[in-house]
């Protein structure tokens, strides 16, 4: 992935990792379009970044995604990158069907639907990138968030498969694998000193994204405790440490 001169869409761009990455891509000389559900949050990001654009989008709504994709390529014909970052993380007690269905719709079906809608346009570009965001919990699940962990495992597998399917095209697939980061993804995360500071995560991630060629998977050092647990033969130990009494 080239580090500058892109026209990049970032979903979930109104806060947290999405907003921080939007700042970095904008500062590096890319045209950035952020999308999210909350207009006020998007407006606040754009106000600090002249030239950045914002569009509201509900990743749970298939019709809205399709309409959004059509408007996006019409308004930004140079679009050549999409960062599928939008997601929700909600604790579940046993099976909470409403939470589970919303999580699957936002975290898994939403990115797949948007990628499907944008893929013909991306394939027509000389070089383009789909960036997915999974999680260290794709590799070792958190018992308190079973559906979130499952959707991130699915995004990891989908990214692997799509990278292989698209290898003969102009589209590369890059997976970003965050650890727990100090954001408002879940209540308490932003203040939790066990989470990675957002600024540190963004700095290390951007450094990896600037490498040429771009790594297929972006694993900061902090996430390897989870993402490489199976490779080290330590899955059971790491699962137990992550989940405490469970």
C-alpha atoms as a PDB file:
ATOM      1  CA  UNK A   1       0.000   0.000   0.000  1.00  0.00           C
ATOM      2  CA  UNK A   2       1.352   3.421  -0.872  1.00  0.00           C
ATOM      3  CA  UNK A   3       1.537   5.734   2.137  1.00  0.00           C
ATOM      4  CA  UNK A   4       0.408   8.930   0.415  1.00  0.00           C
ATOM      5  CA  UNK A   5      -1.756  10.000  -2.506  1.00  0.00           C
ATOM      6  CA  UNK A   6      -4.591   7.616  -1.660  1.00  0.00           C
ATOM      7  CA  UNK A   7      -8.288   8.371  -1.497  1.00  0.00           C
ATOM      8  CA  UNK A   8      -9.287   6.304   1.521  1.00  0.00           C
ATOM      9  CA  UNK A   9     -12.607   5.582   3.226  1.00  0.00           C
ATOM     10  CA  UNK A  10     -12.418   4.833   6.946  1.00  0.00           C
ATOM     11  CA  UNK A  11     -15.537   3.399   8.575  1.00  0.00           C
ATOM     12  CA  UNK A  12     -15.976   3.987  12.281  1.00  0.00           C
ATOM     13  CA  UNK A  13     -13.983   7.163  11.716  1.00  0.00           C
ATOM     14  CA  UNK A  14     -15.692   9.319  14.310  1.00  0.00           C
ATOM     15  CA  UNK A  15     -13.809   8.036  17.336  1.00  0.00           C
ATOM     16  CA  UNK A  16     -11.139   5.704  18.677  1.00  0.00           C
ATOM     17  CA  UNK A  17      -8.835   3.842  16.323  1.00  0.00           C
ATOM     18  CA  UNK A  18     -10.738   5.014  13.237  1.00  0.00           C
ATOM     19  CA  UNK A  19     -10.456   8.708  14.077  1.00  0.00           C
ATOM     20  CA  UNK A  20      -6.794   8.357  15.030  1.00  0.00           C
ATOM     21  CA  UNK A  21      -5.931   6.550  11.792  1.00  0.00           C
ATOM     22  CA  UNK A  22      -7.927   9.136   9.843  1.00  0.00           C
ATOM     23  CA  UNK A  23      -5.730  11.839  11.376  1.00  0.00           C
ATOM     24  CA  UNK A  24      -2.542   9.994  10.386  1.00  0.00           C
ATOM     25  CA  UNK A  25      -3.631   9.276   6.825  1.00  0.00           C
ATOM     26  CA  UNK A  26      -4.802  12.877   6.390  1.00  0.00           C
ATOM     27  CA  UNK A  27      -1.499  14.236   7.711  1.00  0.00           C
ATOM     28  CA  UNK A  28       0.394  11.974   5.283  1.00  0.00           C
ATOM     29  CA  UNK A  29      -1.249  13.587   2.258  1.00  0.00           C
ATOM     30  CA  UNK A  30      -4.200  11.291   1.596  1.00  0.00           C
ATOM     31  CA  UNK A  31      -7.790  12.287   0.798  1.00  0.00           C
ATOM     32  CA  UNK A  32      -9.699  10.840   3.750  1.00  0.00           C
ATOM     33  CA  UNK A  33     -13.429  10.176   3.955  1.00  0.00           C
ATOM     34  CA  UNK A  34     -14.711   9.075   7.355  1.00  0.00           C
ATOM     35  CA  UNK A  35     -18.009   7.301   7.887  1.00  0.00           C
ATOM     36  CA  UNK A  36     -19.984   6.479  11.000  1.00  0.00           C
ATOM     37  CA  UNK A  37     -23.392   6.592  12.613  1.00  0.00           C
ATOM     38  CA  UNK A  38     -22.986   9.799  14.633  1.00  0.00           C
ATOM     39  CA  UNK A  39     -22.892  12.996  12.572  1.00  0.00           C
ATOM     40  CA  UNK A  40     -21.694  15.087  15.507  1.00  0.00           C
ATOM     41  CA  UNK A  41     -18.673  12.854  16.098  1.00  0.00           C
ATOM     42  CA  UNK A  42     -17.782  12.913  12.401  1.00  0.00           C
ATOM     43  CA  UNK A  43     -18.151  16.701  12.264  1.00  0.00           C
ATOM     44  CA  UNK A  44     -15.798  17.096  15.221  1.00  0.00           C
ATOM     45  CA  UNK A  45     -13.070  15.092  13.458  1.00  0.00           C
ATOM     46  CA  UNK A  46     -13.516  16.944  10.169  1.00  0.00           C
ATOM     47  CA  UNK A  47     -13.405  20.334  11.904  1.00  0.00           C
ATOM     48  CA  UNK A  48      -9.799  19.641  12.893  1.00  0.00           C
ATOM     49  CA  UNK A  49      -8.789  18.395   9.430  1.00  0.00           C
ATOM     50  CA  UNK A  50      -9.520  20.798   6.556  1.00  0.00           C
ATOM     51  CA  UNK A  51     -10.211  18.854   3.392  1.00  0.00           C
ATOM     52  CA  UNK A  52     -11.380  15.696   5.130  1.00  0.00           C
ATOM     53  CA  UNK A  53     -14.906  14.536   4.224  1.00  0.00           C
ATOM     54  CA  UNK A  54     -17.545  12.770   6.311  1.00  0.00           C
ATOM     55  CA  UNK A  55     -20.657  10.739   5.489  1.00  0.00           C
ATOM     56  CA  UNK A  56     -23.037   9.014   7.889  1.00  0.00           C
ATOM     57  CA  UNK A  57     -23.442   5.262   7.489  1.00  0.00           C
ATOM     58  CA  UNK A  58     -25.237   2.547   9.457  1.00  0.00           C
ATOM     59  CA  UNK A  59     -23.227  -0.659   8.949  1.00  0.00           C
ATOM     60  CA  UNK A  60     -26.232  -2.750  10.072  1.00  0.00           C
ATOM     61  CA  UNK A  61     -28.388  -1.572   7.151  1.00  0.00           C
ATOM     62  CA  UNK A  62     -27.786  -3.433   3.849  1.00  0.00           C
ATOM     63  CA  UNK A  63     -29.748  -0.946   1.739  1.00  0.00           C
ATOM     64  CA  UNK A  64     -27.926   2.001   3.301  1.00  0.00           C
ATOM     65  CA  UNK A  65     -24.558   0.379   2.578  1.00  0.00           C
ATOM     66  CA  UNK A  66     -25.438  -0.140  -1.073  1.00  0.00           C
ATOM     67  CA  UNK A  67     -26.669   3.430  -1.509  1.00  0.00           C
ATOM     68  CA  UNK A  68     -23.646   4.776   0.344  1.00  0.00           C
ATOM     69  CA  UNK A  69     -21.224   2.886  -1.924  1.00  0.00           C
ATOM     70  CA  UNK A  70     -22.887   4.282  -5.038  1.00  0.00           C
ATOM     71  CA  UNK A  71     -22.663   7.863  -3.776  1.00  0.00           C
ATOM     72  CA  UNK A  72     -19.110   7.377  -2.577  1.00  0.00           C
ATOM     73  CA  UNK A  73     -17.632   6.286  -5.916  1.00  0.00           C
ATOM     74  CA  UNK A  74     -19.584   9.009  -7.713  1.00  0.00           C
ATOM     75  CA  UNK A  75     -18.290  11.711  -5.353  1.00  0.00           C
ATOM     76  CA  UNK A  76     -14.776  10.279  -5.018  1.00  0.00           C
ATOM     77  CA  UNK A  77     -13.903   8.510  -8.278  1.00  0.00           C
ATOM     78  CA  UNK A  78     -10.244   8.233  -7.218  1.00  0.00           C
ATOM     79  CA  UNK A  79     -11.190   6.035  -4.236  1.00  0.00           C
ATOM     80  CA  UNK A  80      -8.541   3.335  -3.998  1.00  0.00           C
ATOM     81  CA  UNK A  81      -8.549   2.244  -0.361  1.00  0.00           C
ATOM     82  CA  UNK A  82     -11.114   1.293   2.249  1.00  0.00           C
ATOM     83  CA  UNK A  83     -10.434   0.669   5.923  1.00  0.00           C
ATOM     84  CA  UNK A  84     -13.218  -1.505   7.340  1.00  0.00           C
ATOM     85  CA  UNK A  85     -12.870  -0.390  10.937  1.00  0.00           C
ATOM     86  CA  UNK A  86     -16.434   0.087  12.254  1.00  0.00           C
ATOM     87  CA  UNK A  87     -17.359  -2.321  15.012  1.00  0.00           C
ATOM     88  CA  UNK A  88     -19.159  -2.808  18.315  1.00  0.00           C
ATOM     89  CA  UNK A  89     -18.079  -4.774  21.381  1.00  0.00           C
ATOM     90  CA  UNK A  90     -20.732  -5.606  23.953  1.00  0.00           C
ATOM     91  CA  UNK A  91     -20.547  -8.060  26.843  1.00  0.00           C
ATOM     92  CA  UNK A  92     -23.015 -10.962  26.719  1.00  0.00           C
ATOM     93  CA  UNK A  93     -24.311 -13.185  29.500  1.00  0.00           C
ATOM     94  CA  UNK A  94     -24.808 -16.636  27.982  1.00  0.00           C
ATOM     95  CA  UNK A  95     -26.571 -15.930  24.661  1.00  0.00           C
ATOM     96  CA  UNK A  96     -28.066 -12.482  24.264  1.00  0.00           C
ATOM     97  CA  UNK A  97     -29.621 -12.770  20.828  1.00  0.00           C
ATOM     98  CA  UNK A  98     -30.146  -9.050  20.280  1.00  0.00           C
ATOM     99  CA  UNK A  99     -26.494  -8.294  21.060  1.00  0.00           C
ATOM    100  CA  UNK A 100     -25.289 -11.255  19.022  1.00  0.00           C
ATOM    101  CA  UNK A 101     -27.285 -10.312  15.928  1.00  0.00           C
ATOM    102  CA  UNK A 102     -26.283  -6.638  16.087  1.00  0.00           C
ATOM    103  CA  UNK A 103     -22.629  -7.619  16.523  1.00  0.00           C
ATOM    104  CA  UNK A 104     -22.660  -9.980  13.546  1.00  0.00           C
ATOM    105  CA  UNK A 105     -24.462  -7.405  11.400  1.00  0.00           C
ATOM    106  CA  UNK A 106     -22.045  -4.588  12.246  1.00  0.00           C
ATOM    107  CA  UNK A 107     -18.728  -6.404  12.619  1.00  0.00           C
ATOM    108  CA  UNK A 108     -19.007  -9.093   9.952  1.00  0.00           C
ATOM    109  CA  UNK A 109     -21.857  -8.604   7.497  1.00  0.00           C
ATOM    110  CA  UNK A 110     -21.294  -4.842   7.320  1.00  0.00           C
ATOM    111  CA  UNK A 111     -17.666  -5.075   6.141  1.00  0.00           C
ATOM    112  CA  UNK A 112     -18.499  -7.895   3.718  1.00  0.00           C
ATOM    113  CA  UNK A 113     -21.441  -5.976   2.242  1.00  0.00           C
ATOM    114  CA  UNK A 114     -19.417  -2.782   1.844  1.00  0.00           C
ATOM    115  CA  UNK A 115     -16.438  -4.589   0.335  1.00  0.00           C
ATOM    116  CA  UNK A 116     -18.762  -6.364  -2.098  1.00  0.00           C
ATOM    117  CA  UNK A 117     -20.310  -3.063  -3.152  1.00  0.00           C
ATOM    118  CA  UNK A 118     -16.946  -1.346  -3.642  1.00  0.00           C
ATOM    119  CA  UNK A 119     -14.915  -4.209  -5.108  1.00  0.00           C
ATOM    120  CA  UNK A 120     -15.717  -3.580  -8.814  1.00  0.00           C
ATOM    121  CA  UNK A 121     -14.563   0.018  -8.412  1.00  0.00           C
ATOM    122  CA  UNK A 122     -11.428  -0.986  -6.494  1.00  0.00           C
ATOM    123  CA  UNK A 123     -10.507  -3.618  -9.095  1.00  0.00           C
ATOM    124  CA  UNK A 124     -10.662  -0.923 -11.790  1.00  0.00           C
ATOM    125  CA  UNK A 125      -7.956   1.110 -10.024  1.00  0.00           C
ATOM    126  CA  UNK A 126      -4.281   0.686 -10.878  1.00  0.00           C
ATOM    127  CA  UNK A 127      -3.567  -0.235  -7.249  1.00  0.00           C
ATOM    128  CA  UNK A 128      -5.994  -0.451  -4.358  1.00  0.00           C
ATOM    129  CA  UNK A 129      -6.231  -1.767  -0.822  1.00  0.00           C
ATOM    130  CA  UNK A 130      -8.875  -3.281   1.425  1.00  0.00           C
ATOM    131  CA  UNK A 131      -7.832  -2.974   5.064  1.00  0.00           C
ATOM    132  CA  UNK A 132      -9.723  -5.070   7.589  1.00  0.00           C
ATOM    133  CA  UNK A 133      -9.602  -4.769  11.375  1.00  0.00           C
ATOM    134  CA  UNK A 134      -9.757  -7.972  13.372  1.00  0.00           C
ATOM    135  CA  UNK A 135      -8.467  -8.311  16.957  1.00  0.00           C
ATOM    136  CA  UNK A 136      -6.167 -10.311  19.156  1.00  0.00           C
ATOM    137  CA  UNK A 137      -9.435 -11.897  20.306  1.00  0.00           C
ATOM    138  CA  UNK A 138      -9.713 -13.481  16.858  1.00  0.00           C
ATOM    139  CA  UNK A 139      -6.964 -15.816  18.049  1.00  0.00           C
ATOM    140  CA  UNK A 140      -7.866 -16.239  21.742  1.00  0.00           C
ATOM    141  CA  UNK A 141     -11.529 -15.430  22.541  1.00  0.00           C
ATOM    142  CA  UNK A 142     -12.712 -13.389  25.492  1.00  0.00           C
ATOM    143  CA  UNK A 143     -15.401 -15.309  27.353  1.00  0.00           C
ATOM    144  CA  UNK A 144     -17.303 -12.120  28.230  1.00  0.00           C
ATOM    145  CA  UNK A 145     -17.683 -11.181  24.531  1.00  0.00           C
ATOM    146  CA  UNK A 146     -18.263 -14.428  22.638  1.00  0.00           C
ATOM    147  CA  UNK A 147     -19.928 -12.959  19.549  1.00  0.00           C
ATOM    148  CA  UNK A 148     -17.444 -10.101  19.235  1.00  0.00           C
ATOM    149  CA  UNK A 149     -14.582 -12.593  19.432  1.00  0.00           C
ATOM    150  CA  UNK A 150     -16.276 -14.838  16.874  1.00  0.00           C
ATOM    151  CA  UNK A 151     -16.826 -11.987  14.403  1.00  0.00           C
ATOM    152  CA  UNK A 152     -13.173 -11.000  14.643  1.00  0.00           C
ATOM    153  CA  UNK A 153     -12.093 -14.608  14.059  1.00  0.00           C
ATOM    154  CA  UNK A 154     -14.354 -14.585  11.000  1.00  0.00           C
ATOM    155  CA  UNK A 155     -12.820 -11.329   9.733  1.00  0.00           C
ATOM    156  CA  UNK A 156      -9.369 -12.894  10.086  1.00  0.00           C
ATOM    157  CA  UNK A 157     -10.400 -15.952   8.069  1.00  0.00           C
ATOM    158  CA  UNK A 158     -12.221 -13.820   5.488  1.00  0.00           C
ATOM    159  CA  UNK A 159      -9.153 -11.616   5.067  1.00  0.00           C
ATOM    160  CA  UNK A 160      -6.921 -14.644   4.479  1.00  0.00           C
ATOM    161  CA  UNK A 161      -9.271 -16.077   1.876  1.00  0.00           C
ATOM    162  CA  UNK A 162      -9.985 -12.815   0.072  1.00  0.00           C
ATOM    163  CA  UNK A 163      -6.272 -12.012  -0.102  1.00  0.00           C
ATOM    164  CA  UNK A 164      -5.742 -15.276  -1.957  1.00  0.00           C
ATOM    165  CA  UNK A 165      -8.759 -14.757  -4.227  1.00  0.00           C
ATOM    166  CA  UNK A 166      -7.633 -11.243  -5.166  1.00  0.00           C
ATOM    167  CA  UNK A 167      -3.908 -11.896  -5.543  1.00  0.00           C
ATOM    168  CA  UNK A 168      -4.078 -11.713  -9.332  1.00  0.00           C
ATOM    169  CA  UNK A 169      -5.934  -8.370  -9.244  1.00  0.00           C
ATOM    170  CA  UNK A 170      -4.884  -4.831  -8.356  1.00  0.00           C
ATOM    171  CA  UNK A 171      -6.447  -5.181  -4.885  1.00  0.00           C
ATOM    172  CA  UNK A 172      -4.323  -6.063  -1.873  1.00  0.00           C
ATOM    173  CA  UNK A 173      -5.864  -7.107   1.443  1.00  0.00           C
ATOM    174  CA  UNK A 174      -4.192  -5.966   4.656  1.00  0.00           C
ATOM    175  CA  UNK A 175      -5.436  -7.062   8.085  1.00  0.00           C
ATOM    176  CA  UNK A 176      -4.834  -4.882  11.148  1.00  0.00           C
ATOM    177  CA  UNK A 177      -4.856  -6.941  14.378  1.00  0.00           C
ATOM    178  CA  UNK A 178      -5.235  -4.656  17.426  1.00  0.00           C
ATOM    179  CA  UNK A 179      -4.745  -5.691  21.036  1.00  0.00           C
ATOM    180  CA  UNK A 180      -6.944  -4.119  23.676  1.00  0.00           C
ATOM    181  CA  UNK A 181      -6.528  -0.376  23.107  1.00  0.00           C
ATOM    182  CA  UNK A 182      -7.473   2.580  25.309  1.00  0.00           C
ATOM    183  CA  UNK A 183     -10.604   3.701  23.444  1.00  0.00           C
ATOM    184  CA  UNK A 184     -14.324   3.861  24.216  1.00  0.00           C
ATOM    185  CA  UNK A 185     -15.070   0.588  22.403  1.00  0.00           C
ATOM    186  CA  UNK A 186     -16.285  -0.791  25.742  1.00  0.00           C
ATOM    187  CA  UNK A 187     -16.971   1.068  29.002  1.00  0.00           C
ATOM    188  CA  UNK A 188     -13.781   1.369  31.001  1.00  0.00           C
ATOM    189  CA  UNK A 189     -11.350   0.579  28.199  1.00  0.00           C
ATOM    190  CA  UNK A 190     -10.142   4.169  27.803  1.00  0.00           C
ATOM    191  CA  UNK A 191      -9.080   4.324  31.472  1.00  0.00           C
ATOM    192  CA  UNK A 192      -7.755   0.759  31.759  1.00  0.00           C
ATOM    193  CA  UNK A 193      -3.984   0.717  32.183  1.00  0.00           C
ATOM    194  CA  UNK A 194      -3.934  -2.895  30.969  1.00  0.00           C
ATOM    195  CA  UNK A 195      -4.917  -1.633  27.522  1.00  0.00           C
ATOM    196  CA  UNK A 196      -2.388  -0.267  25.016  1.00  0.00           C
ATOM    197  CA  UNK A 197      -2.349   3.544  24.848  1.00  0.00           C
ATOM    198  CA  UNK A 198      -4.045   4.643  21.635  1.00  0.00           C
ATOM    199  CA  UNK A 199      -1.181   6.901  20.545  1.00  0.00           C
ATOM    200  CA  UNK A 200       1.330   4.059  20.933  1.00  0.00           C
ATOM    201  CA  UNK A 201      -0.857   1.658  18.963  1.00  0.00           C
ATOM    202  CA  UNK A 202      -1.343   4.144  16.134  1.00  0.00           C
ATOM    203  CA  UNK A 203       2.355   5.027  15.918  1.00  0.00           C
ATOM    204  CA  UNK A 204       3.425   1.374  15.730  1.00  0.00           C
ATOM    205  CA  UNK A 205       0.640   0.472  13.297  1.00  0.00           C
ATOM    206  CA  UNK A 206       1.428   3.341  10.923  1.00  0.00           C
ATOM    207  CA  UNK A 207       5.098   2.395  11.000  1.00  0.00           C
ATOM    208  CA  UNK A 208       4.206  -1.138   9.897  1.00  0.00           C
ATOM    209  CA  UNK A 209       1.789   0.127   7.227  1.00  0.00           C
ATOM    210  CA  UNK A 210       4.563   2.286   5.739  1.00  0.00           C
ATOM    211  CA  UNK A 211       6.817  -0.709   5.177  1.00  0.00           C
ATOM    212  CA  UNK A 212       7.304  -1.745   1.557  1.00  0.00           C
ATOM    213  CA  UNK A 213       5.923  -4.144   0.698  1.00  0.00           C
ATOM    214  CA  UNK A 214       3.123  -3.651   3.230  1.00  0.00           C
ATOM    215  CA  UNK A 215       2.840  -6.674   5.538  1.00  0.00           C
ATOM    216  CA  UNK A 216      -0.268  -8.762   4.890  1.00  0.00           C
ATOM    217  CA  UNK A 217      -1.048  -8.645   8.624  1.00  0.00           C
ATOM    218  CA  UNK A 218      -0.252  -5.783  10.997  1.00  0.00           C
ATOM    219  CA  UNK A 219       0.563  -7.202  14.441  1.00  0.00           C
ATOM    220  CA  UNK A 220       1.960  -4.698  16.944  1.00  0.00           C
ATOM    221  CA  UNK A 221       4.214  -6.305  19.546  1.00  0.00           C
ATOM    222  CA  UNK A 222       1.554  -5.972  22.259  1.00  0.00           C
ATOM    223  CA  UNK A 223      -0.950  -8.214  20.435  1.00  0.00           C
ATOM    224  CA  UNK A 224       1.434 -11.120  19.840  1.00  0.00           C
ATOM    225  CA  UNK A 225       0.737 -12.498  23.319  1.00  0.00           C
ATOM    226  CA  UNK A 226      -2.685 -13.393  21.874  1.00  0.00           C
ATOM    227  CA  UNK A 227      -2.132 -13.673  18.135  1.00  0.00           C
ATOM    228  CA  UNK A 228       0.869 -15.989  18.405  1.00  0.00           C
ATOM    229  CA  UNK A 229      -0.343 -18.059  21.364  1.00  0.00           C
ATOM    230  CA  UNK A 230      -1.198 -21.109  19.261  1.00  0.00           C
ATOM    231  CA  UNK A 231       2.085 -20.886  17.359  1.00  0.00           C
ATOM    232  CA  UNK A 232       3.931 -20.909  20.690  1.00  0.00           C
ATOM    233  CA  UNK A 233       1.880 -23.890  21.880  1.00  0.00           C
ATOM    234  CA  UNK A 234       0.420 -21.762  24.692  1.00  0.00           C
ATOM    235  CA  UNK A 235      -3.235 -21.374  23.705  1.00  0.00           C
ATOM    236  CA  UNK A 236      -4.670 -23.012  26.838  1.00  0.00           C
ATOM    237  CA  UNK A 237      -2.436 -21.012  29.168  1.00  0.00           C
ATOM    238  CA  UNK A 238      -3.176 -17.701  27.425  1.00  0.00           C
ATOM    239  CA  UNK A 239      -6.929 -18.466  27.307  1.00  0.00           C
ATOM    240  CA  UNK A 240      -6.861 -19.090  31.051  1.00  0.00           C
ATOM    241  CA  UNK A 241      -4.870 -15.922  31.778  1.00  0.00           C
ATOM    242  CA  UNK A 242      -7.133 -13.782  29.582  1.00  0.00           C
ATOM    243  CA  UNK A 243     -10.334 -15.103  31.110  1.00  0.00           C
ATOM    244  CA  UNK A 244      -9.389 -15.431  34.759  1.00  0.00           C
ATOM    245  CA  UNK A 245     -11.851 -17.528  36.716  1.00  0.00           C
ATOM    246  CA  UNK A 246     -13.418 -18.822  33.498  1.00  0.00           C
END
